[in-house]
Each structure stands twice: as structure tokens, then as C-alpha cells.
Amino acid sequence: MEATLQTSEYELPDDCGYNKLYRHNWITPVYGLSMTLIPVIHDICKKRWGWHFRPHKDINYHKDNWYEKQNMVLSFESKFDLILVKLMVDVK
């Protein structure tokens, strides 16, 4: 009997995930990505996707809440995936 490897629902292929940038971008109004949204977005997308952060001009990395001065950007290889995610996922 062959053992099957259980993977986390939060694991993504190497070409998806944090700091993966693609052509179609959604600059969201939030400063972070909820982990619970990762499998939801991945299930929607048919092609590669990722996220990164865009700092505001007035970001101060010495403050405890520096991360609040950035926007999370969702990035998609497919424009269709971008549209579906924007319609189906509430990032707030």
C-alpha cells in the first residue's frame, strides 16, 4: 500500500504565491492577505497568480505599525482570473 503525502491547503506551486508578479494587477485597499483567502483564490485561478506589497510614499519602517502604510497587490497571469477573483473574493 502506497502512502500518500498530505499537503497543506495553503501550499502553492513554486510559480504562485508571495512576490510572484504577473501582467494583470489588482491594487487592493488592504495592507495584507488573509491566509484563509489563499486556497479560495487558488481554486478560482486557472493560471499562475501571486501577491506582493506596494508601500505608500510616507511609510516609516521604524514604526510598529509600518505595514499599515502599504497596499496588497494581487497579480495574475490571466485577465480572466483577475476578473473572477475581483467578483468573487472580498479581500476586506
PDB file of N, CA and C in Angstrom:
ATOM      1  N   MET A   1       0.849  -1.181   0.000  1.00  0.00           N
ATOM      2  CA  MET A   1       0.000   0.000   0.000  1.00  0.00           C
ATOM      3  C   MET A   1       0.891   1.240   0.000  1.00  0.00           C
ATOM      4  N   GLU A   2       0.631   2.127  -0.943  1.00  0.00           N
ATOM      5  CA  GLU A   2       1.438   3.334  -1.088  1.00  0.00           C
ATOM      6  C   GLU A   2       0.936   4.422  -0.157  1.00  0.00           C
ATOM      7  N   ALA A   3       1.852   5.091   0.519  1.00  0.00           N
ATOM      8  CA  ALA A   3       1.483   6.204   1.393  1.00  0.00           C
ATOM      9  C   ALA A   3       1.316   7.460   0.550  1.00  0.00           C
ATOM     10  N   THR A   4       0.279   8.229   0.849  1.00  0.00           N
ATOM     11  CA  THR A   4       0.079   9.487   0.131  1.00  0.00           C
ATOM     12  C   THR A   4       0.528  10.631   1.024  1.00  0.00           C
ATOM     13  N   LEU A   5       1.156  11.593   0.409  1.00  0.00           N
ATOM     14  CA  LEU A   5       1.668  12.744   1.124  1.00  0.00           C
ATOM     15  C   LEU A   5       0.562  13.780   1.274  1.00  0.00           C
ATOM     16  N   GLN A   6       0.236  14.133   2.492  1.00  0.00           N
ATOM     17  CA  GLN A   6      -0.785  15.141   2.762  1.00  0.00           C
ATOM     18  C   GLN A   6      -0.139  16.518   2.674  1.00  0.00           C
ATOM     19  N   THR A   7      -0.657  17.385   1.822  1.00  0.00           N
ATOM     20  CA  THR A   7      -0.117  18.738   1.728  1.00  0.00           C
ATOM     21  C   THR A   7      -1.117  19.719   2.316  1.00  0.00           C
ATOM     22  N   SER A   8      -0.601  20.815   2.778  1.00  0.00           N
ATOM     23  CA  SER A   8      -1.433  21.851   3.366  1.00  0.00           C
ATOM     24  C   SER A   8      -2.247  22.539   2.279  1.00  0.00           C
ATOM     25  N   GLU A   9      -3.448  22.954   2.633  1.00  0.00           N
ATOM     26  CA  GLU A   9      -4.270  23.692   1.675  1.00  0.00           C
ATOM     27  C   GLU A   9      -3.677  25.061   1.363  1.00  0.00           C
ATOM     28  N   TYR A  10      -2.700  25.484   2.165  1.00  0.00           N
ATOM     29  CA  TYR A  10      -2.052  26.777   1.958  1.00  0.00           C
ATOM     30  C   TYR A  10      -0.789  26.672   1.102  1.00  0.00           C
ATOM     31  N   GLU A  11      -0.373  25.463   0.765  1.00  0.00           N
ATOM     32  CA  GLU A  11       0.790  25.274  -0.094  1.00  0.00           C
ATOM     33  C   GLU A  11       0.426  25.588  -1.534  1.00  0.00           C
ATOM     34  N   LEU A  12       1.324  26.312  -2.189  1.00  0.00           N
ATOM     35  CA  LEU A  12       1.105  26.685  -3.578  1.00  0.00           C
ATOM     36  C   LEU A  12       2.260  26.170  -4.433  1.00  0.00           C
ATOM     37  N   PRO A  13       2.032  26.023  -5.732  1.00  0.00           N
ATOM     38  CA  PRO A  13       3.142  25.671  -6.619  1.00  0.00           C
ATOM     39  C   PRO A  13       4.214  26.763  -6.567  1.00  0.00           C
ATOM     40  N   ASP A  14       5.425  26.425  -6.962  1.00  0.00           N
ATOM     41  CA  ASP A  14       6.539  27.377  -6.907  1.00  0.00           C
ATOM     42  C   ASP A  14       6.307  28.628  -7.749  1.00  0.00           C
ATOM     43  N   ASP A  15       5.463  28.544  -8.770  1.00  0.00           N
ATOM     44  CA  ASP A  15       5.242  29.704  -9.640  1.00  0.00           C
ATOM     45  C   ASP A  15       4.023  30.540  -9.228  1.00  0.00           C
ATOM     46  N   CYS A  16       3.504  30.300  -8.028  1.00  0.00           N
ATOM     47  CA  CYS A  16       2.399  31.076  -7.473  1.00  0.00           C
ATOM     48  C   CYS A  16       2.775  31.504  -6.055  1.00  0.00           C
ATOM     49  N   GLY A  17       2.140  32.576  -5.579  1.00  0.00           N
ATOM     50  CA  GLY A  17       2.312  32.959  -4.182  1.00  0.00           C
ATOM     51  C   GLY A  17       3.003  34.285  -3.982  1.00  0.00           C
ATOM     52  N   TYR A  18       3.609  34.421  -2.805  1.00  0.00           N
ATOM     53  CA  TYR A  18       4.220  35.677  -2.393  1.00  0.00           C
ATOM     54  C   TYR A  18       5.364  36.100  -3.317  1.00  0.00           C
ATOM     55  N   ASN A  19       5.323  37.359  -3.681  1.00  0.00           N
ATOM     56  CA  ASN A  19       6.320  38.002  -4.542  1.00  0.00           C
ATOM     57  C   ASN A  19       6.367  37.431  -5.960  1.00  0.00           C
ATOM     58  N   LYS A  20       5.263  36.859  -6.404  1.00  0.00           N
ATOM     59  CA  LYS A  20       5.137  36.439  -7.803  1.00  0.00           C
ATOM     60  C   LYS A  20       4.341  37.522  -8.523  1.00  0.00           C
ATOM     61  N   LEU A  21       4.948  38.160  -9.501  1.00  0.00           N
ATOM     62  CA  LEU A  21       4.338  39.270 -10.213  1.00  0.00           C
ATOM     63  C   LEU A  21       3.996  38.858 -11.638  1.00  0.00           C
ATOM     64  N   TYR A  22       2.770  39.189 -12.030  1.00  0.00           N
ATOM     65  CA  TYR A  22       2.299  38.881 -13.375  1.00  0.00           C
ATOM     66  C   TYR A  22       1.700  40.134 -14.003  1.00  0.00           C
ATOM     67  N   ARG A  23       1.244  40.027 -15.201  1.00  0.00           N
ATOM     68  CA  ARG A  23       0.835  41.189 -16.009  1.00  0.00           C
ATOM     69  C   ARG A  23      -0.389  41.926 -15.471  1.00  0.00           C
ATOM     70  N   HIS A  24      -1.367  41.210 -14.958  1.00  0.00           N
ATOM     71  CA  HIS A  24      -2.647  41.808 -14.554  1.00  0.00           C
ATOM     72  C   HIS A  24      -2.685  41.959 -13.033  1.00  0.00           C
ATOM     73  N   ASN A  25      -2.837  43.221 -12.574  1.00  0.00           N
ATOM     74  CA  ASN A  25      -2.724  43.511 -11.148  1.00  0.00           C
ATOM     75  C   ASN A  25      -3.970  44.175 -10.586  1.00  0.00           C
ATOM     76  N   TRP A  26      -4.279  43.826  -9.364  1.00  0.00           N
ATOM     77  CA  TRP A  26      -5.356  44.457  -8.599  1.00  0.00           C
ATOM     78  C   TRP A  26      -4.702  45.053  -7.360  1.00  0.00           C
ATOM     79  N   ILE A  27      -4.624  46.381  -7.329  1.00  0.00           N
ATOM     80  CA  ILE A  27      -4.109  47.070  -6.145  1.00  0.00           C
ATOM     81  C   ILE A  27      -5.271  47.182  -5.175  1.00  0.00           C
ATOM     82  N   THR A  28      -5.233  46.387  -4.132  1.00  0.00           N
ATOM     83  CA  THR A  28      -6.348  46.316  -3.191  1.00  0.00           C
ATOM     84  C   THR A  28      -6.259  47.455  -2.178  1.00  0.00           C
ATOM     85  N   PRO A  29      -7.355  47.737  -1.467  1.00  0.00           N
ATOM     86  CA  PRO A  29      -7.346  48.783  -0.447  1.00  0.00           C
ATOM     87  C   PRO A  29      -6.835  48.289   0.912  1.00  0.00           C
ATOM     88  N   VAL A  30      -6.374  47.050   0.988  1.00  0.00           N
ATOM     89  CA  VAL A  30      -5.944  46.467   2.265  1.00  0.00           C
ATOM     90  C   VAL A  30      -4.433  46.288   2.296  1.00  0.00           C
ATOM     91  N   TYR A  31      -3.878  46.127   3.494  1.00  0.00           N
ATOM     92  CA  TYR A  31      -2.424  46.015   3.636  1.00  0.00           C
ATOM     93  C   TYR A  31      -1.931  44.595   3.830  1.00  0.00           C
ATOM     94  N   GLY A  32      -2.823  43.606   3.757  1.00  0.00           N
ATOM     95  CA  GLY A  32      -2.395  42.228   3.929  1.00  0.00           C
ATOM     96  C   GLY A  32      -3.352  41.252   3.279  1.00  0.00           C
ATOM     97  N   LEU A  33      -2.905  40.024   3.149  1.00  0.00           N
ATOM     98  CA  LEU A  33      -3.724  38.955   2.574  1.00  0.00           C
ATOM     99  C   LEU A  33      -4.042  37.947   3.668  1.00  0.00           C
ATOM    100  N   SER A  34      -5.319  37.749   3.930  1.00  0.00           N
ATOM    101  CA  SER A  34      -5.744  36.754   4.900  1.00  0.00           C
ATOM    102  C   SER A  34      -5.374  35.360   4.398  1.00  0.00           C
ATOM    103  N   MET A  35      -4.761  34.569   5.254  1.00  0.00           N
ATOM    104  CA  MET A  35      -4.362  33.207   4.847  1.00  0.00           C
ATOM    105  C   MET A  35      -5.550  32.376   4.385  1.00  0.00           C
ATOM    106  N   THR A  36      -6.730  32.650   4.927  1.00  0.00           N
ATOM    107  CA  THR A  36      -7.901  31.871   4.535  1.00  0.00           C
ATOM    108  C   THR A  36      -8.293  32.122   3.078  1.00  0.00           C
ATOM    109  N   LEU A  37      -7.828  33.231   2.506  1.00  0.00           N
ATOM    110  CA  LEU A  37      -8.156  33.530   1.110  1.00  0.00           C
ATOM    111  C   LEU A  37      -7.232  32.835   0.118  1.00  0.00           C
ATOM    112  N   ILE A  38      -6.085  32.382   0.565  1.00  0.00           N
ATOM    113  CA  ILE A  38      -5.122  31.763  -0.349  1.00  0.00           C
ATOM    114  C   ILE A  38      -5.722  30.550  -1.069  1.00  0.00           C
ATOM    115  N   PRO A  39      -6.305  29.564  -0.366  1.00  0.00           N
ATOM    116  CA  PRO A  39      -6.891  28.436  -1.110  1.00  0.00           C
ATOM    117  C   PRO A  39      -8.113  28.835  -1.920  1.00  0.00           C
ATOM    118  N   VAL A  40      -8.853  29.831  -1.466  1.00  0.00           N
ATOM    119  CA  VAL A  40     -10.030  30.297  -2.212  1.00  0.00           C
ATOM    120  C   VAL A  40      -9.597  30.874  -3.557  1.00  0.00           C
ATOM    121  N   ILE A  41      -8.611  31.766  -3.529  1.00  0.00           N
ATOM    122  CA  ILE A  41      -8.112  32.377  -4.758  1.00  0.00           C
ATOM    123  C   ILE A  41      -7.474  31.321  -5.658  1.00  0.00           C
ATOM    124  N   HIS A  42      -6.714  30.423  -5.062  1.00  0.00           N
ATOM    125  CA  HIS A  42      -6.041  29.392  -5.864  1.00  0.00           C
ATOM    126  C   HIS A  42      -7.043  28.477  -6.561  1.00  0.00           C
ATOM    127  N   ASP A  43      -8.146  28.183  -5.900  1.00  0.00           N
ATOM    128  CA  ASP A  43      -9.178  27.341  -6.520  1.00  0.00           C
ATOM    129  C   ASP A  43      -9.866  28.051  -7.683  1.00  0.00           C
ATOM    130  N   ILE A  44      -9.963  29.374  -7.610  1.00  0.00           N
ATOM    131  CA  ILE A  44     -10.603  30.139  -8.682  1.00  0.00           C
ATOM    132  C   ILE A  44      -9.700  30.238  -9.904  1.00  0.00           C
ATOM    133  N   CYS A  45      -8.423  30.450  -9.671  1.00  0.00           N
ATOM    134  CA  CYS A  45      -7.480  30.729 -10.761  1.00  0.00           C
ATOM    135  C   CYS A  45      -7.137  29.483 -11.573  1.00  0.00           C
ATOM    136  N   LYS A  46      -7.129  29.647 -12.866  1.00  0.00           N
ATOM    137  CA  LYS A  46      -6.731  28.572 -13.775  1.00  0.00           C
ATOM    138  C   LYS A  46      -5.261  28.695 -14.170  1.00  0.00           C
ATOM    139  N   LYS A  47      -4.710  29.901 -14.025  1.00  0.00           N
ATOM    140  CA  LYS A  47      -3.307  30.139 -14.373  1.00  0.00           C
ATOM    141  C   LYS A  47      -2.575  30.667 -13.145  1.00  0.00           C
ATOM    142  N   ARG A  48      -1.329  31.065 -13.327  1.00  0.00           N
ATOM    143  CA  ARG A  48      -0.486  31.483 -12.204  1.00  0.00           C
ATOM    144  C   ARG A  48      -0.951  32.815 -11.611  1.00  0.00           C
ATOM    145  N   TRP A  49      -0.692  32.975 -10.310  1.00  0.00           N
ATOM    146  CA  TRP A  49      -1.065  34.195  -9.617  1.00  0.00           C
ATOM    147  C   TRP A  49      -0.141  34.392  -8.422  1.00  0.00           C
ATOM    148  N   GLY A  50      -0.175  35.571  -7.857  1.00  0.00           N
ATOM    149  CA  GLY A  50       0.644  35.848  -6.689  1.00  0.00           C
ATOM    150  C   GLY A  50       0.215  37.125  -6.014  1.00  0.00           C
ATOM    151  N   TRP A  51       0.993  37.530  -5.030  1.00  0.00           N
ATOM    152  CA  TRP A  51       0.728  38.796  -4.358  1.00  0.00           C
ATOM    153  C   TRP A  51       2.044  39.408  -3.900  1.00  0.00           C
ATOM    154  N   HIS A  52       2.026  40.712  -3.788  1.00  0.00           N
ATOM    155  CA  HIS A  52       3.158  41.460  -3.272  1.00  0.00           C
ATOM    156  C   HIS A  52       2.609  42.729  -2.627  1.00  0.00           C
ATOM    157  N   PHE A  53       3.484  43.540  -2.102  1.00  0.00           N
ATOM    158  CA  PHE A  53       3.041  44.734  -1.389  1.00  0.00           C
ATOM    159  C   PHE A  53       3.664  45.977  -2.002  1.00  0.00           C
ATOM    160  N   ARG A  54       2.869  47.025  -2.082  1.00  0.00           N
ATOM    161  CA  ARG A  54       3.334  48.307  -2.618  1.00  0.00           C
ATOM    162  C   ARG A  54       3.281  49.329  -1.478  1.00  0.00           C
ATOM    163  N   PRO A  55       4.456  49.789  -1.012  1.00  0.00           N
ATOM    164  CA  PRO A  55       4.476  50.735   0.107  1.00  0.00           C
ATOM    165  C   PRO A  55       3.995  52.124  -0.310  1.00  0.00           C
ATOM    166  N   HIS A  56       3.367  52.819   0.640  1.00  0.00           N
ATOM    167  CA  HIS A  56       2.991  54.214   0.417  1.00  0.00           C
ATOM    168  C   HIS A  56       4.256  55.070   0.506  1.00  0.00           C
ATOM    169  N   LYS A  57       4.200  56.258  -0.034  1.00  0.00           N
ATOM    170  CA  LYS A  57       5.362  57.152  -0.007  1.00  0.00           C
ATOM    171  C   LYS A  57       5.763  57.534   1.410  1.00  0.00           C
ATOM    172  N   ASP A  58       4.786  57.580   2.316  1.00  0.00           N
ATOM    173  CA  ASP A  58       5.076  58.011   3.693  1.00  0.00           C
ATOM    174  C   ASP A  58       5.313  56.842   4.659  1.00  0.00           C
ATOM    175  N   ILE A  59       5.638  55.663   4.149  1.00  0.00           N
ATOM    176  CA  ILE A  59       5.875  54.513   5.027  1.00  0.00           C
ATOM    177  C   ILE A  59       7.118  54.769   5.891  1.00  0.00           C
ATOM    178  N   ASN A  60       7.018  54.372   7.153  1.00  0.00           N
ATOM    179  CA  ASN A  60       8.139  54.513   8.084  1.00  0.00           C
ATOM    180  C   ASN A  60       8.378  53.142   8.700  1.00  0.00           C
ATOM    181  N   TYR A  61       9.403  52.457   8.247  1.00  0.00           N
ATOM    182  CA  TYR A  61       9.675  51.091   8.690  1.00  0.00           C
ATOM    183  C   TYR A  61      10.118  51.014  10.155  1.00  0.00           C
ATOM    184  N   HIS A  62      10.352  52.148  10.783  1.00  0.00           N
ATOM    185  CA  HIS A  62      10.752  52.162  12.196  1.00  0.00           C
ATOM    186  C   HIS A  62       9.542  52.152  13.137  1.00  0.00           C
ATOM    187  N   LYS A  63       8.345  52.381  12.617  1.00  0.00           N
ATOM    188  CA  LYS A  63       7.130  52.347  13.437  1.00  0.00           C
ATOM    189  C   LYS A  63       6.647  50.900  13.584  1.00  0.00           C
ATOM    190  N   ASP A  64       5.977  50.639  14.701  1.00  0.00           N
ATOM    191  CA  ASP A  64       5.456  49.289  14.948  1.00  0.00           C
ATOM    192  C   ASP A  64       4.383  48.887  13.945  1.00  0.00           C
ATOM    193  N   ASN A  65       3.635  49.842  13.439  1.00  0.00           N
ATOM    194  CA  ASN A  65       2.536  49.539  12.511  1.00  0.00           C
ATOM    195  C   ASN A  65       2.877  49.941  11.075  1.00  0.00           C
ATOM    196  N   TRP A  66       4.150  49.837  10.701  1.00  0.00           N
ATOM    197  CA  TRP A  66       4.621  50.226   9.367  1.00  0.00           C
ATOM    198  C   TRP A  66       3.838  49.538   8.252  1.00  0.00           C
ATOM    199  N   TYR A  67       3.424  48.311   8.482  1.00  0.00           N
ATOM    200  CA  TYR A  67       2.739  47.504   7.461  1.00  0.00           C
ATOM    201  C   TYR A  67       1.398  48.097   7.049  1.00  0.00           C
ATOM    202  N   GLU A  68       0.822  48.958   7.876  1.00  0.00           N
ATOM    203  CA  GLU A  68      -0.457  49.579   7.539  1.00  0.00           C
ATOM    204  C   GLU A  68      -0.314  50.619   6.425  1.00  0.00           C
ATOM    205  N   LYS A  69       0.904  51.013   6.128  1.00  0.00           N
ATOM    206  CA  LYS A  69       1.169  52.015   5.089  1.00  0.00           C
ATOM    207  C   LYS A  69       1.600  51.336   3.785  1.00  0.00           C
ATOM    208  N   GLN A  70       0.863  50.322   3.395  1.00  0.00           N
ATOM    209  CA  GLN A  70       1.132  49.623   2.144  1.00  0.00           C
ATOM    210  C   GLN A  70      -0.172  49.063   1.606  1.00  0.00           C
ATOM    211  N   ASN A  71      -0.181  48.733   0.344  1.00  0.00           N
ATOM    212  CA  ASN A  71      -1.327  48.062  -0.270  1.00  0.00           C
ATOM    213  C   ASN A  71      -0.891  46.700  -0.763  1.00  0.00           C
ATOM    214  N   MET A  72      -1.753  45.736  -0.554  1.00  0.00           N
ATOM    215  CA  MET A  72      -1.501  44.403  -1.077  1.00  0.00           C
ATOM    216  C   MET A  72      -1.945  44.392  -2.537  1.00  0.00           C
ATOM    217  N   VAL A  73      -1.103  43.855  -3.397  1.00  0.00           N
ATOM    218  CA  VAL A  73      -1.395  43.782  -4.827  1.00  0.00           C
ATOM    219  C   VAL A  73      -1.519  42.311  -5.205  1.00  0.00           C
ATOM    220  N   LEU A  74      -2.669  41.944  -5.745  1.00  0.00           N
ATOM    221  CA  LEU A  74      -2.854  40.598  -6.291  1.00  0.00           C
ATOM    222  C   LEU A  74      -2.490  40.661  -7.764  1.00  0.00           C
ATOM    223  N   SER A  75      -1.721  39.706  -8.217  1.00  0.00           N
ATOM    224  CA  SER A  75      -1.157  39.709  -9.556  1.00  0.00           C
ATOM    225  C   SER A  75      -1.529  38.406 -10.262  1.00  0.00           C
ATOM    226  N   PHE A  76      -1.963  38.525 -11.509  1.00  0.00           N
ATOM    227  CA  PHE A  76      -2.481  37.365 -12.234  1.00  0.00           C
ATOM    228  C   PHE A  76      -1.876  37.260 -13.629  1.00  0.00           C
ATOM    229  N   GLU A  77      -1.589  36.048 -14.039  1.00  0.00           N
ATOM    230  CA  GLU A  77      -1.153  35.787 -15.405  1.00  0.00           C
ATOM    231  C   GLU A  77      -2.337  35.965 -16.366  1.00  0.00           C
ATOM    232  N   SER A  78      -3.528  35.636 -15.902  1.00  0.00           N
ATOM    233  CA  SER A  78      -4.727  35.673 -16.736  1.00  0.00           C
ATOM    234  C   SER A  78      -5.654  36.825 -16.326  1.00  0.00           C
ATOM    235  N   LYS A  79      -6.059  37.622 -17.305  1.00  0.00           N
ATOM    236  CA  LYS A  79      -7.007  38.708 -17.036  1.00  0.00           C
ATOM    237  C   LYS A  79      -8.345  38.137 -16.575  1.00  0.00           C
ATOM    238  N   PHE A  80      -8.718  36.992 -17.110  1.00  0.00           N
ATOM    239  CA  PHE A  80      -9.970  36.338 -16.717  1.00  0.00           C
ATOM    240  C   PHE A  80      -9.935  35.940 -15.237  1.00  0.00           C
ATOM    241  N   ASP A  81      -8.801  35.409 -14.772  1.00  0.00           N
ATOM    242  CA  ASP A  81      -8.662  35.066 -13.351  1.00  0.00           C
ATOM    243  C   ASP A  81      -8.787  36.321 -12.484  1.00  0.00           C
ATOM    244  N   LEU A  82      -8.180  37.417 -12.913  1.00  0.00           N
ATOM    245  CA  LEU A  82      -8.285  38.681 -12.183  1.00  0.00           C
ATOM    246  C   LEU A  82      -9.741  39.099 -12.047  1.00  0.00           C
ATOM    247  N   ILE A  83     -10.469  39.072 -13.136  1.00  0.00           N
ATOM    248  CA  ILE A  83     -11.883  39.471 -13.109  1.00  0.00           C
ATOM    249  C   ILE A  83     -12.693  38.568 -12.175  1.00  0.00           C
ATOM    250  N   LEU A  84     -12.493  37.259 -12.285  1.00  0.00           N
ATOM    251  CA  LEU A  84     -13.231  36.326 -11.423  1.00  0.00           C
ATOM    252  C   LEU A  84     -12.937  36.571  -9.944  1.00  0.00           C
ATOM    253  N   VAL A  85     -11.675  36.756  -9.601  1.00  0.00           N
ATOM    254  CA  VAL A  85     -11.303  36.973  -8.205  1.00  0.00           C
ATOM    255  C   VAL A  85     -11.899  38.284  -7.695  1.00  0.00           C
ATOM    256  N   LYS A  86     -11.854  39.338  -8.513  1.00  0.00           N
ATOM    257  CA  LYS A  86     -12.437  40.615  -8.092  1.00  0.00           C
ATOM    258  C   LYS A  86     -13.937  40.485  -7.838  1.00  0.00           C
ATOM    259  N   LEU A  87     -14.612  39.665  -8.627  1.00  0.00           N
ATOM    260  CA  LEU A  87     -16.052  39.477  -8.461  1.00  0.00           C
ATOM    261  C   LEU A  87     -16.410  38.527  -7.304  1.00  0.00           C
ATOM    262  N   MET A  88     -15.537  37.565  -7.020  1.00  0.00           N
ATOM    263  CA  MET A  88     -15.907  36.503  -6.098  1.00  0.00           C
ATOM    264  C   MET A  88     -15.260  36.604  -4.700  1.00  0.00           C
ATOM    265  N   VAL A  89     -14.215  37.413  -4.550  1.00  0.00           N
ATOM    266  CA  VAL A  89     -13.463  37.428  -3.285  1.00  0.00           C
ATOM    267  C   VAL A  89     -13.539  38.812  -2.647  1.00  0.00           C
ATOM    268  N   ASP A  90     -13.912  38.827  -1.375  1.00  0.00           N
ATOM    269  CA  ASP A  90     -13.905  40.071  -0.598  1.00  0.00           C
ATOM    270  C   ASP A  90     -12.590  40.108   0.189  1.00  0.00           C
ATOM    271  N   VAL A  91     -11.651  40.941  -0.257  1.00  0.00           N
ATOM    272  CA  VAL A  91     -10.345  40.985   0.388  1.00  0.00           C
ATOM    273  C   VAL A  91     -10.379  41.705   1.733  1.00  0.00           C
ATOM    274  N   LYS A  92     -11.451  42.405   2.013  1.00  0.00           N
ATOM    275  CA  LYS A  92     -11.540  43.134   3.287  1.00  0.00           C
ATOM    276  C   LYS A  92     -11.849  42.179   4.370  1.00  0.00           C
TER     277      LYS A  92
END
